[in-house]
């Protein structure tokens, strides 16, 4: 049962994930507004309070109960060793719908060729715990120091190698660095405090946010195609149409005609619309989607 004025407090990532997170929340049905100097965003849902916090810190605040839930990277959960409930895995990042990687990189002209060559070397990174854990698993002893930023420019003058976050590798290449190993692959996660998760109402509310965000992500690369087709041509049209499950076919008031609806990957629309037209589909409409709840 919900208590009077009960709310969940959610941590939203400030920094690189902020814009993409606000965009996904908007698609999910939640509008977030925040002043230029405010750390308390406003969400148009009276049952949610938000705090704008660096992604690196969110899992700790969730674990210790300052936040009921939060959106952060799997990498920072591991880095902090946080004991939290992982509610949902959301594959989006700063630059798109993709996973991110923590990698070990060295200067192009470095003599370091593989992880074993890091023994006795100095490594700079923002993810000290993550890096030490990886090296320990590999049986490598090296000096790992915390980097406050601009890590890519520290090798070779200030360190021998770096462990850095990358999506495409372009920033590393621009700084004449080459990757020698992957440390961790990470995605964005919705996490919850264990006490909040055991509260029936809070779990229901956190799940509501998770379901809608997953639905928004599922719709991000898909569109709805609608068209009319003469029934005699239906067998030629259906094989062209990939679908989430199977196309919906309904009879029209005009005898001998049907309406077809199908959810398809947006990237293939340009290829299949001419094919559909060629076999008799008419009145083809492409409609963007906000959410797909599977």
Protein backbone atom coordinates (compact mmCIF):
# COMPACT_ATOMS: atom_id res chain seq x y z
CA UNK A 1 0.00 0.00 0.00
CA UNK A 2 1.23 3.48 -0.87
CA UNK A 3 1.77 5.87 2.01
CA UNK A 4 0.59 9.47 1.73
CA UNK A 5 2.99 11.55 -0.42
CA UNK A 6 5.28 8.53 -0.88
CA UNK A 7 8.02 8.99 -3.48
CA UNK A 8 11.08 7.30 -4.83
CA UNK A 9 14.34 9.23 -5.03
CA UNK A 10 16.29 8.47 -8.19
CA UNK A 11 19.86 9.39 -9.06
CA UNK A 12 20.38 10.60 -12.63
CA UNK A 13 23.89 10.75 -14.11
CA UNK A 14 25.47 14.17 -14.47
CA UNK A 15 28.04 14.45 -17.23
CA UNK A 16 28.50 12.29 -20.32
CA UNK A 17 25.35 10.21 -19.80
CA UNK A 18 23.11 13.12 -18.83
CA UNK A 19 21.82 14.19 -22.23
CA UNK A 20 21.14 10.67 -23.50
CA UNK A 21 19.45 9.70 -20.22
CA UNK A 22 17.15 12.74 -20.29
CA UNK A 23 16.32 11.91 -23.93
CA UNK A 24 15.45 8.29 -23.08
CA UNK A 25 13.35 9.37 -20.10
CA UNK A 26 11.46 11.76 -22.36
CA UNK A 27 10.68 8.93 -24.78
CA UNK A 28 9.63 6.81 -21.82
CA UNK A 29 7.13 9.51 -20.81
CA UNK A 30 9.04 11.46 -18.15
CA UNK A 31 10.04 15.06 -18.80
CA UNK A 32 13.08 16.17 -16.80
CA UNK A 33 14.02 19.82 -16.38
CA UNK A 34 17.05 21.17 -14.56
CA UNK A 35 18.54 24.60 -14.04
CA UNK A 36 22.11 25.31 -15.14
CA UNK A 37 23.39 25.22 -11.54
CA UNK A 38 20.85 22.90 -9.96
CA UNK A 39 21.50 19.35 -8.78
CA UNK A 40 17.79 18.75 -8.13
CA UNK A 41 16.03 18.13 -11.46
CA UNK A 42 12.26 18.26 -11.67
CA UNK A 43 10.38 15.29 -13.15
CA UNK A 44 6.75 15.66 -14.17
CA UNK A 45 5.74 12.77 -11.94
CA UNK A 46 4.78 13.64 -8.34
CA UNK A 47 5.92 10.19 -7.21
CA UNK A 48 9.53 10.72 -8.28
CA UNK A 49 12.23 13.00 -6.88
CA UNK A 50 15.53 13.22 -8.71
CA UNK A 51 19.12 14.09 -7.88
CA UNK A 52 21.73 14.91 -10.51
CA UNK A 53 24.95 13.16 -9.47
CA UNK A 54 28.10 11.97 -11.22
CA UNK A 55 27.62 8.44 -12.54
CA UNK A 56 30.77 7.40 -10.66
CA UNK A 57 29.04 8.04 -7.32
CA UNK A 58 25.47 6.89 -7.89
CA UNK A 59 25.91 3.22 -6.99
CA UNK A 60 27.41 4.13 -3.59
CA UNK A 61 24.52 6.45 -2.73
CA UNK A 62 22.02 3.80 -3.83
CA UNK A 63 23.76 1.11 -1.77
CA UNK A 64 23.75 3.26 1.37
CA UNK A 65 20.12 4.35 0.98
CA UNK A 66 20.54 8.03 0.14
CA UNK A 67 18.88 7.14 -3.16
CA UNK A 68 16.19 4.51 -3.71
CA UNK A 69 17.40 3.83 -7.22
CA UNK A 70 19.63 5.27 -9.91
CA UNK A 71 20.84 5.11 -13.49
CA UNK A 72 24.55 4.49 -13.86
CA UNK A 73 27.11 2.37 -15.65
CA UNK A 74 27.83 -1.26 -14.80
CA UNK A 75 31.51 -0.23 -14.74
CA UNK A 76 30.95 2.08 -11.76
CA UNK A 77 29.00 -0.57 -9.88
CA UNK A 78 32.02 -2.84 -10.22
CA UNK A 79 34.50 -0.05 -9.49
CA UNK A 80 32.70 0.81 -6.25
CA UNK A 81 31.98 -2.80 -5.32
CA UNK A 82 28.39 -1.74 -4.64
CA UNK A 83 25.88 -4.23 -3.26
CA UNK A 84 22.74 -3.19 -5.12
CA UNK A 85 19.86 -4.74 -7.06
CA UNK A 86 20.37 -4.57 -10.82
CA UNK A 87 16.86 -3.95 -12.12
CA UNK A 88 17.43 -3.51 -15.86
CA UNK A 89 20.20 -3.47 -18.44
CA UNK A 90 19.84 -0.52 -20.83
CA UNK A 91 22.14 -0.59 -23.84
CA UNK A 92 22.71 3.09 -24.52
CA UNK A 93 25.66 5.40 -24.00
CA UNK A 94 26.76 8.96 -24.67
CA UNK A 95 27.00 8.53 -28.43
CA UNK A 96 24.28 6.01 -29.19
CA UNK A 97 22.76 2.60 -28.60
CA UNK A 98 25.96 0.75 -27.91
CA UNK A 99 28.03 -0.76 -25.14
CA UNK A 100 31.17 0.97 -23.92
CA UNK A 101 34.57 -0.55 -23.13
CA UNK A 102 37.33 0.08 -20.62
CA UNK A 103 40.57 -0.64 -22.45
CA UNK A 104 44.29 -0.59 -21.81
CA UNK A 105 46.07 1.71 -24.26
CA UNK A 106 49.70 2.61 -24.83
CA UNK A 107 51.50 5.04 -27.15
CA UNK A 108 51.83 3.84 -30.74
CA UNK A 109 55.61 3.59 -30.45
CA UNK A 110 55.61 1.89 -27.03
CA UNK A 111 57.49 -1.37 -26.56
CA UNK A 112 54.51 -2.67 -24.58
CA UNK A 113 52.75 -5.22 -26.81
CA UNK A 114 50.51 -7.13 -24.40
CA UNK A 115 49.26 -7.22 -20.82
CA UNK A 116 52.30 -9.16 -19.54
CA UNK A 117 54.53 -6.27 -20.62
CA UNK A 118 52.77 -4.04 -18.06
CA UNK A 119 54.64 -5.69 -15.16
CA UNK A 120 56.42 -2.98 -13.16
CA UNK A 121 54.91 -0.19 -15.30
CA UNK A 122 52.86 2.84 -14.25
CA UNK A 123 49.22 2.99 -15.35
CA UNK A 124 46.93 6.04 -15.05
CA UNK A 125 43.17 5.66 -14.89
CA UNK A 126 39.99 6.98 -13.31
CA UNK A 127 38.92 3.39 -12.61
CA UNK A 128 41.64 2.37 -10.15
CA UNK A 129 39.69 -0.45 -8.49
CA UNK A 130 38.61 -1.91 -11.81
CA UNK A 131 42.17 -1.83 -13.12
CA UNK A 132 43.72 -3.37 -10.02
CA UNK A 133 41.14 -6.15 -10.07
CA UNK A 134 41.90 -6.91 -13.72
CA UNK A 135 45.67 -6.94 -13.20
CA UNK A 136 45.34 -9.18 -10.14
CA UNK A 137 43.31 -11.68 -12.18
CA UNK A 138 46.08 -11.66 -14.81
CA UNK A 139 48.83 -12.04 -12.20
CA UNK A 140 50.43 -8.70 -13.17
CA UNK A 141 52.00 -6.33 -10.66
CA UNK A 142 52.00 -2.71 -11.79
CA UNK A 143 51.63 0.74 -10.25
CA UNK A 144 48.09 2.09 -10.75
CA UNK A 145 47.45 5.77 -10.06
CA UNK A 146 44.25 7.79 -10.12
CA UNK A 147 43.77 10.20 -13.01
CA UNK A 148 41.63 13.29 -12.51
CA UNK A 149 40.96 13.62 -16.23
CA UNK A 150 42.62 14.15 -19.61
CA UNK A 151 44.02 10.65 -19.18
CA UNK A 152 44.74 10.20 -22.91
CA UNK A 153 47.48 12.85 -22.87
CA UNK A 154 49.41 11.40 -19.90
CA UNK A 155 51.20 8.64 -21.80
CA UNK A 156 54.12 8.44 -22.34
CA UNK A 157 55.34 11.49 -20.37
CA UNK A 158 53.54 10.79 -17.06
CA UNK A 159 52.80 7.09 -17.30
CA UNK A 160 53.49 4.02 -19.43
CA UNK A 161 49.88 3.08 -20.14
CA UNK A 162 46.33 4.17 -19.43
CA UNK A 163 43.03 2.42 -18.76
CA UNK A 164 40.33 4.51 -20.35
CA UNK A 165 36.69 4.44 -21.36
CA UNK A 166 35.94 4.31 -25.08
CA UNK A 167 32.94 3.90 -27.36
CA UNK A 168 34.53 4.10 -30.80
CA UNK A 169 38.26 4.38 -30.07
CA UNK A 170 38.49 7.64 -32.03
CA UNK A 171 39.76 9.72 -29.10
CA UNK A 172 42.51 7.19 -28.40
CA UNK A 173 43.59 7.15 -32.04
CA UNK A 174 43.59 10.95 -32.11
CA UNK A 175 46.09 10.88 -29.24
CA UNK A 176 48.30 8.29 -30.99
CA UNK A 177 47.35 5.51 -28.60
CA UNK A 178 46.70 1.86 -29.46
CA UNK A 179 44.60 -0.63 -27.52
CA UNK A 180 46.35 -3.73 -26.22
CA UNK A 181 43.53 -5.28 -24.15
CA UNK A 182 39.92 -4.93 -23.06
CA UNK A 183 39.35 -4.66 -19.30
CA UNK A 184 35.54 -4.54 -19.12
CA UNK A 185 32.50 -4.13 -21.35
CA UNK A 186 29.79 -2.02 -19.74
CA UNK A 187 26.21 -0.90 -20.25
CA UNK A 188 23.89 1.52 -18.51
CA UNK A 189 21.91 -0.05 -15.65
CA UNK A 190 18.94 0.82 -13.47
CA UNK A 191 19.86 -0.16 -9.93
CA UNK A 192 17.94 -0.15 -6.66
CA UNK A 193 18.71 -0.04 -2.95
CA UNK A 194 17.89 -3.41 -1.35
CA UNK A 195 15.60 -1.93 1.30
CA UNK A 196 13.72 0.10 -1.33
CA UNK A 197 13.43 -3.02 -3.51
CA UNK A 198 11.86 -4.90 -0.61
CA UNK A 199 9.26 -2.15 -0.21
CA UNK A 200 6.30 -3.28 -2.31
CA UNK A 201 5.24 0.16 -3.50
CA UNK A 202 8.77 1.38 -4.25
CA UNK A 203 9.59 -1.80 -6.20
CA UNK A 204 6.44 -1.31 -8.27
CA UNK A 205 7.37 2.31 -9.03
CA UNK A 206 10.99 1.47 -9.89
CA UNK A 207 9.76 -1.32 -12.16
CA UNK A 208 7.40 1.14 -13.86
CA UNK A 209 10.33 3.38 -14.77
CA UNK A 210 12.40 0.38 -15.90
CA UNK A 211 9.64 -1.08 -18.12
CA UNK A 212 9.00 2.26 -19.82
CA UNK A 213 12.74 2.91 -20.38
CA UNK A 214 13.22 -0.57 -21.85
CA UNK A 215 10.21 0.07 -24.08
CA UNK A 216 11.68 3.38 -25.26
CA UNK A 217 14.98 1.68 -26.08
CA UNK A 218 13.25 -1.16 -27.94
CA UNK A 219 11.48 1.41 -30.12
CA UNK A 220 14.58 3.49 -30.84
CA UNK A 221 15.63 1.56 -33.96
CA UNK A 222 12.20 0.46 -35.17
CA UNK A 223 9.27 1.98 -37.04
CA UNK A 224 5.70 0.98 -37.83
CA UNK A 225 4.87 0.39 -41.49
CA UNK A 226 1.23 0.57 -42.57
CA UNK A 227 -0.10 -0.13 -46.07
CA UNK A 228 -3.08 -1.32 -48.07
CA UNK A 229 -2.89 -4.33 -50.37
CA UNK A 230 -5.28 -6.16 -52.67
CA UNK A 231 -6.01 -9.52 -51.03
CA UNK A 232 -4.90 -11.39 -54.14
CA UNK A 233 -1.43 -9.85 -53.77
CA UNK A 234 -1.06 -10.59 -50.04
CA UNK A 235 1.12 -13.66 -50.56
CA UNK A 236 3.66 -11.57 -52.46
CA UNK A 237 3.76 -8.80 -49.82
CA UNK A 238 4.06 -10.79 -46.58
CA UNK A 239 7.41 -12.49 -47.37
CA UNK A 240 9.00 -9.04 -47.81
CA UNK A 241 7.89 -7.87 -44.37
CA UNK A 242 10.05 -8.82 -41.39
CA UNK A 243 8.18 -8.22 -38.16
CA UNK A 244 8.56 -8.14 -34.40
CA UNK A 245 6.28 -11.18 -34.34
CA UNK A 246 4.12 -11.35 -37.47
CA UNK A 247 2.38 -8.63 -39.47
CA UNK A 248 -1.17 -7.63 -38.53
CA UNK A 249 -3.62 -8.08 -41.40
CA UNK A 250 -7.16 -6.65 -41.26
CA UNK A 251 -9.90 -6.58 -43.88
CA UNK A 252 -10.85 -3.14 -45.23
CA UNK A 253 -14.40 -1.98 -45.91
CA UNK A 254 -13.53 -2.11 -49.62
CA UNK A 255 -14.08 -5.74 -50.62
CA UNK A 256 -10.93 -7.56 -51.70
CA UNK A 257 -8.53 -5.24 -49.85
CA UNK A 258 -6.62 -5.60 -46.57
CA UNK A 259 -4.61 -3.29 -44.31
CA UNK A 260 -1.22 -4.47 -43.06
CA UNK A 261 0.76 -3.20 -40.07
CA UNK A 262 4.27 -4.36 -39.20
CA UNK A 263 7.01 -3.21 -36.81
CA UNK A 264 10.34 -3.34 -38.64
CA UNK A 265 13.95 -2.24 -38.20
CA UNK A 266 14.32 1.34 -39.44
CA UNK A 267 17.59 0.56 -41.20
CA UNK A 268 15.87 -1.78 -43.71
CA UNK A 269 12.90 0.44 -44.57
CA UNK A 270 14.67 2.08 -47.50
CA UNK A 271 15.27 -1.36 -48.98
CA UNK A 272 11.84 -2.91 -48.54
CA UNK A 273 9.51 0.00 -49.41
CA UNK A 274 10.39 -0.12 -53.15
CA UNK A 275 9.93 -3.91 -53.07
CA UNK A 276 6.54 -3.57 -51.38
CA UNK A 277 5.48 -0.98 -53.93
CA UNK A 278 6.60 -3.24 -56.77
CA UNK A 279 4.36 -6.14 -55.67
CA UNK A 280 1.27 -4.00 -55.17
CA UNK A 281 1.33 -2.35 -51.75
CA UNK A 282 -0.32 1.09 -51.71
CA UNK A 283 -0.63 4.00 -49.27
CA UNK A 284 2.56 2.99 -47.45
CA UNK A 285 3.09 4.99 -44.24
CA UNK A 286 6.16 4.95 -41.99
CA UNK A 287 5.48 5.95 -38.37
CA UNK A 288 8.18 6.52 -35.70
CA UNK A 289 7.63 4.75 -32.36
CA UNK A 290 8.08 5.95 -28.79
CA UNK A 291 7.83 2.66 -26.93
CA UNK A 292 7.59 -1.05 -27.62
CA UNK A 293 6.65 -3.06 -24.53
CA UNK A 294 7.60 -6.68 -25.22
